[in-house]
PDB file of N, CA and C in Angstrom:
ATOM      1  N   MET A   1      21.537 -13.741 122.998  1.00  0.00           N
ATOM      2  CA  MET A   1      21.184 -12.519 123.704  1.00  0.00           C
ATOM      3  C   MET A   1      19.677 -12.293 123.594  1.00  0.00           C
ATOM      4  N   ASP A   2      19.060 -11.870 124.692  1.00  0.00           N
ATOM      5  CA  ASP A   2      17.618 -11.659 124.738  1.00  0.00           C
ATOM      6  C   ASP A   2      17.264 -10.351 124.027  1.00  0.00           C
ATOM      7  N   PRO A   3      16.440 -10.403 122.972  1.00  0.00           N
ATOM      8  CA  PRO A   3      16.112  -9.179 122.232  1.00  0.00           C
ATOM      9  C   PRO A   3      15.235  -8.204 123.028  1.00  0.00           C
ATOM     10  N   SER A   4      14.585  -8.672 124.091  1.00  0.00           N
ATOM     11  CA  SER A   4      13.730  -7.763 124.860  1.00  0.00           C
ATOM     12  C   SER A   4      14.543  -6.867 125.799  1.00  0.00           C
ATOM     13  N   LEU A   5      15.810  -7.202 126.033  1.00  0.00           N
ATOM     14  CA  LEU A   5      16.660  -6.387 126.892  1.00  0.00           C
ATOM     15  C   LEU A   5      17.268  -5.231 126.104  1.00  0.00           C
ATOM     16  N   PRO A   6      17.436  -4.063 126.760  1.00  0.00           N
ATOM     17  CA  PRO A   6      18.077  -2.950 126.055  1.00  0.00           C
ATOM     18  C   PRO A   6      19.566  -3.249 125.873  1.00  0.00           C
ATOM     19  N   PRO A   7      20.185  -2.627 124.889  1.00  0.00           N
ATOM     20  CA  PRO A   7      21.624  -2.845 124.685  1.00  0.00           C
ATOM     21  C   PRO A   7      22.415  -2.309 125.881  1.00  0.00           C
ATOM     22  N   PRO A   8      23.576  -2.870 126.144  1.00  0.00           N
ATOM     23  CA  PRO A   8      24.371  -2.393 127.287  1.00  0.00           C
ATOM     24  C   PRO A   8      24.798  -0.941 127.094  1.00  0.00           C
ATOM     25  N   ARG A   9      24.916  -0.228 128.208  1.00  0.00           N
ATOM     26  CA  ARG A   9      25.335   1.172 128.152  1.00  0.00           C
ATOM     27  C   ARG A   9      26.841   1.238 127.947  1.00  0.00           C
ATOM     28  N   THR A  10      27.235   2.243 127.211  1.00  0.00           N
ATOM     29  CA  THR A  10      28.666   2.428 126.991  1.00  0.00           C
ATOM     30  C   THR A  10      29.018   3.894 127.145  1.00  0.00           C
ATOM     31  N   GLY A  11      30.247   4.136 127.502  1.00  0.00           N
ATOM     32  CA  GLY A  11      30.794   5.493 127.529  1.00  0.00           C
ATOM     33  C   GLY A  11      29.993   6.476 128.355  1.00  0.00           C
ATOM     34  N   ARG A  12      29.522   7.514 127.683  1.00  0.00           N
ATOM     35  CA  ARG A  12      28.825   8.633 128.337  1.00  0.00           C
ATOM     36  C   ARG A  12      27.534   8.183 129.023  1.00  0.00           C
ATOM     37  N   GLU A  13      26.773   7.272 128.405  1.00  0.00           N
ATOM     38  CA  GLU A  13      25.527   6.802 129.016  1.00  0.00           C
ATOM     39  C   GLU A  13      25.789   6.138 130.368  1.00  0.00           C
ATOM     40  N   ARG A  14      26.838   5.342 130.442  1.00  0.00           N
ATOM     41  CA  ARG A  14      27.181   4.670 131.697  1.00  0.00           C
ATOM     42  C   ARG A  14      27.569   5.695 132.754  1.00  0.00           C
ATOM     43  N   LEU A  15      28.360   6.678 132.373  1.00  0.00           N
ATOM     44  CA  LEU A  15      28.795   7.724 133.297  1.00  0.00           C
ATOM     45  C   LEU A  15      27.595   8.519 133.824  1.00  0.00           C
ATOM     46  N   LEU A  16      26.655   8.868 132.936  1.00  0.00           N
ATOM     47  CA  LEU A  16      25.468   9.609 133.349  1.00  0.00           C
ATOM     48  C   LEU A  16      24.585   8.778 134.269  1.00  0.00           C
ATOM     49  N   SER A  17      24.476   7.484 134.015  1.00  0.00           N
ATOM     50  CA  SER A  17      23.638   6.641 134.861  1.00  0.00           C
ATOM     51  C   SER A  17      24.250   6.501 136.254  1.00  0.00           C
ATOM     52  N   VAL A  18      25.567   6.412 136.350  1.00  0.00           N
ATOM     53  CA  VAL A  18      26.234   6.341 137.652  1.00  0.00           C
ATOM     54  C   VAL A  18      26.044   7.664 138.388  1.00  0.00           C
ATOM     55  N   ARG A  19      26.152   8.761 137.686  1.00  0.00           N
ATOM     56  CA  ARG A  19      25.961  10.082 138.302  1.00  0.00           C
ATOM     57  C   ARG A  19      24.546  10.221 138.847  1.00  0.00           C
ATOM     58  N   GLU A  20      23.536   9.785 138.093  1.00  0.00           N
ATOM     59  CA  GLU A  20      22.146   9.840 138.555  1.00  0.00           C
ATOM     60  C   GLU A  20      21.957   8.979 139.798  1.00  0.00           C
ATOM     61  N   TRP A  21      22.587   7.814 139.824  1.00  0.00           N
ATOM     62  CA  TRP A  21      22.484   6.913 140.975  1.00  0.00           C
ATOM     63  C   TRP A  21      23.083   7.572 142.224  1.00  0.00           C
ATOM     64  N   ILE A  22      24.225   8.247 142.065  1.00  0.00           N
ATOM     65  CA  ILE A  22      24.868   8.928 143.196  1.00  0.00           C
ATOM     66  C   ILE A  22      23.990  10.076 143.694  1.00  0.00           C
ATOM     67  N   VAL A  23      23.406  10.855 142.787  1.00  0.00           N
ATOM     68  CA  VAL A  23      22.548  11.978 143.174  1.00  0.00           C
ATOM     69  C   VAL A  23      21.328  11.465 143.931  1.00  0.00           C
ATOM     70  N   ARG A  24      20.714  10.373 143.442  1.00  0.00           N
ATOM     71  CA  ARG A  24      19.567   9.798 144.145  1.00  0.00           C
ATOM     72  C   ARG A  24      19.961   9.310 145.527  1.00  0.00           C
ATOM     73  N   GLY A  25      21.103   8.668 145.637  1.00  0.00           N
ATOM     74  CA  GLY A  25      21.572   8.169 146.926  1.00  0.00           C
ATOM     75  C   GLY A  25      21.858   9.291 147.902  1.00  0.00           C
ATOM     76  N   ARG A  26      22.452  10.369 147.415  1.00  0.00           N
ATOM     77  CA  ARG A  26      22.755  11.514 148.282  1.00  0.00           C
ATOM     78  C   ARG A  26      21.471  12.164 148.772  1.00  0.00           C
ATOM     79  N   ARG A  27      20.494  12.294 147.880  1.00  0.00           N
ATOM     80  CA  ARG A  27      19.208  12.888 148.252  1.00  0.00           C
ATOM     81  C   ARG A  27      18.515  12.032 149.312  1.00  0.00           C
ATOM     82  N   THR A  28      18.560  10.727 149.153  1.00  0.00           N
ATOM     83  CA  THR A  28      17.965   9.815 150.125  1.00  0.00           C
ATOM     84  C   THR A  28      18.682   9.909 151.460  1.00  0.00           C
ATOM     85  N   ALA A  29      20.011   9.955 151.437  1.00  0.00           N
ATOM     86  CA  ALA A  29      20.783  10.049 152.678  1.00  0.00           C
ATOM     87  C   ALA A  29      20.480  11.353 153.412  1.00  0.00           C
ATOM     88  N   LEU A  30      20.377  12.464 152.687  1.00  0.00           N
ATOM     89  CA  LEU A  30      20.066  13.738 153.322  1.00  0.00           C
ATOM     90  C   LEU A  30      18.659  13.742 153.914  1.00  0.00           C
ATOM     91  N   ALA A  31      17.712  13.128 153.211  1.00  0.00           N
ATOM     92  CA  ALA A  31      16.349  13.046 153.733  1.00  0.00           C
ATOM     93  C   ALA A  31      16.313  12.220 155.015  1.00  0.00           C
ATOM     94  N   GLN A  32      17.051  11.110 155.051  1.00  0.00           N
ATOM     95  CA  GLN A  32      17.093  10.275 156.249  1.00  0.00           C
ATOM     96  C   GLN A  32      17.782  11.008 157.399  1.00  0.00           C
ATOM     97  N   LEU A  33      18.818  11.777 157.090  1.00  0.00           N
ATOM     98  CA  LEU A  33      19.510  12.557 158.115  1.00  0.00           C
ATOM     99  C   LEU A  33      18.569  13.597 158.720  1.00  0.00           C
ATOM    100  N   LEU A  34      17.825  14.294 157.884  1.00  0.00           N
ATOM    101  CA  LEU A  34      16.859  15.280 158.364  1.00  0.00           C
ATOM    102  C   LEU A  34      15.776  14.612 159.196  1.00  0.00           C
ATOM    103  N   ARG A  35      15.296  13.475 158.741  1.00  0.00           N
ATOM    104  CA  ARG A  35      14.269  12.742 159.480  1.00  0.00           C
ATOM    105  C   ARG A  35      14.781  12.331 160.861  1.00  0.00           C
ATOM    106  N   GLY A  36      16.003  11.825 160.922  1.00  0.00           N
ATOM    107  CA  GLY A  36      16.589  11.426 162.187  1.00  0.00           C
ATOM    108  C   GLY A  36      16.786  12.615 163.121  1.00  0.00           C
ATOM    109  N   ALA A  37      17.205  13.753 162.574  1.00  0.00           N
ATOM    110  CA  ALA A  37      17.384  14.955 163.395  1.00  0.00           C
ATOM    111  C   ALA A  37      16.052  15.427 163.963  1.00  0.00           C
ATOM    112  N   CYS A  38      15.001  15.343 163.176  1.00  0.00           N
ATOM    113  CA  CYS A  38      13.674  15.749 163.658  1.00  0.00           C
ATOM    114  C   CYS A  38      13.188  14.810 164.755  1.00  0.00           C
ATOM    115  N   TYR A  39      13.363  13.509 164.560  1.00  0.00           N
ATOM    116  CA  TYR A  39      12.980  12.550 165.601  1.00  0.00           C
ATOM    117  C   TYR A  39      13.778  12.807 166.881  1.00  0.00           C
ATOM    118  N   GLY A  40      15.067  13.053 166.741  1.00  0.00           N
ATOM    119  CA  GLY A  40      15.910  13.316 167.904  1.00  0.00           C
ATOM    120  C   GLY A  40      15.501  14.581 168.637  1.00  0.00           C
ATOM    121  N   ALA A  41      15.214  15.628 167.881  1.00  0.00           N
ATOM    122  CA  ALA A  41      14.791  16.888 168.505  1.00  0.00           C
ATOM    123  C   ALA A  41      13.456  16.717 169.227  1.00  0.00           C
ATOM    124  N   GLY A  42      12.540  16.012 168.615  1.00  0.00           N
ATOM    125  CA  GLY A  42      11.240  15.770 169.245  1.00  0.00           C
ATOM    126  C   GLY A  42      11.373  14.940 170.506  1.00  0.00           C
ATOM    127  N   THR A  43      12.186  13.889 170.445  1.00  0.00           N
ATOM    128  CA  THR A  43      12.403  13.046 171.616  1.00  0.00           C
ATOM    129  C   THR A  43      13.057  13.840 172.739  1.00  0.00           C
ATOM    130  N   GLY A  44      14.032  14.653 172.400  1.00  0.00           N
ATOM    131  CA  GLY A  44      14.696  15.486 173.404  1.00  0.00           C
ATOM    132  C   GLY A  44      13.745  16.482 174.043  1.00  0.00           C
ATOM    133  N   ALA A  45      12.891  17.107 173.226  1.00  0.00           N
ATOM    134  CA  ALA A  45      11.937  18.087 173.748  1.00  0.00           C
ATOM    135  C   ALA A  45      10.940  17.421 174.700  1.00  0.00           C
ATOM    136  N   VAL A  46      10.426  16.265 174.323  1.00  0.00           N
ATOM    137  CA  VAL A  46       9.484  15.549 175.191  1.00  0.00           C
ATOM    138  C   VAL A  46      10.179  15.119 176.477  1.00  0.00           C
ATOM    139  N   GLY A  47      11.407  14.643 176.361  1.00  0.00           N
ATOM    140  CA  GLY A  47      12.157  14.242 177.548  1.00  0.00           C
ATOM    141  C   GLY A  47      12.388  15.406 178.499  1.00  0.00           C
ATOM    142  N   LEU A  48      12.776  16.558 177.952  1.00  0.00           N
ATOM    143  CA  LEU A  48      12.976  17.747 178.795  1.00  0.00           C
ATOM    144  C   LEU A  48      11.671  18.212 179.432  1.00  0.00           C
ATOM    145  N   PHE A  49      10.579  18.138 178.689  1.00  0.00           N
ATOM    146  CA  PHE A  49       9.283  18.519 179.229  1.00  0.00           C
ATOM    147  C   PHE A  49       8.915  17.640 180.422  1.00  0.00           C
ATOM    148  N   PHE A  50       9.060  16.329 180.271  1.00  0.00           N
ATOM    149  CA  PHE A  50       8.720  15.433 181.370  1.00  0.00           C
ATOM    150  C   PHE A  50       9.670  15.600 182.544  1.00  0.00           C
ATOM    151  N   LEU A  51      10.915  15.893 182.278  1.00  0.00           N
ATOM    152  CA  LEU A  51      11.859  16.169 183.356  1.00  0.00           C
ATOM    153  C   LEU A  51      11.443  17.419 184.127  1.00  0.00           C
ATOM    154  N   TRP A  52      11.023  18.458 183.398  1.00  0.00           N
ATOM    155  CA  TRP A  52      10.550  19.681 184.023  1.00  0.00           C
ATOM    156  C   TRP A  52       9.289  19.427 184.855  1.00  0.00           C
ATOM    157  N   VAL A  53       8.338  18.656 184.295  1.00  0.00           N
ATOM    158  CA  VAL A  53       7.104  18.329 185.014  1.00  0.00           C
ATOM    159  C   VAL A  53       7.437  17.539 186.283  1.00  0.00           C
ATOM    160  N   GLU A  54       8.324  16.566 186.168  1.00  0.00           N
ATOM    161  CA  GLU A  54       8.700  15.756 187.324  1.00  0.00           C
ATOM    162  C   GLU A  54       9.368  16.613 188.400  1.00  0.00           C
ATOM    163  N   HIS A  55      10.163  17.559 188.006  1.00  0.00           N
ATOM    164  CA  HIS A  55      10.866  18.435 188.954  1.00  0.00           C
ATOM    165  C   HIS A  55       9.870  19.358 189.680  1.00  0.00           C
ATOM    166  N   ARG A  56       8.823  19.784 188.972  1.00  0.00           N
ATOM    167  CA  ARG A  56       7.837  20.701 189.540  1.00  0.00           C
ATOM    168  C   ARG A  56       6.896  20.009 190.516  1.00  0.00           C
ATOM    169  N   MET A  57       6.777  18.700 190.472  1.00  0.00           N
ATOM    170  CA  MET A  57       5.827  17.982 191.352  1.00  0.00           C
ATOM    171  C   MET A  57       6.415  17.727 192.690  1.00  0.00           C
TER     172      MET A  57
END
């Protein structure tokens, strides 16, 4: 066994590390969802603007 590696996690430490991983993943997923919604809203607004401009000409 390599002495430079930390000992394996057991019991509560393993459970806490899995919980932290899930929280990080959820936070990342929510940030990506918000980012996608903002891009979609911006694209829709620009599309509607150009449609309005085209209709007025």
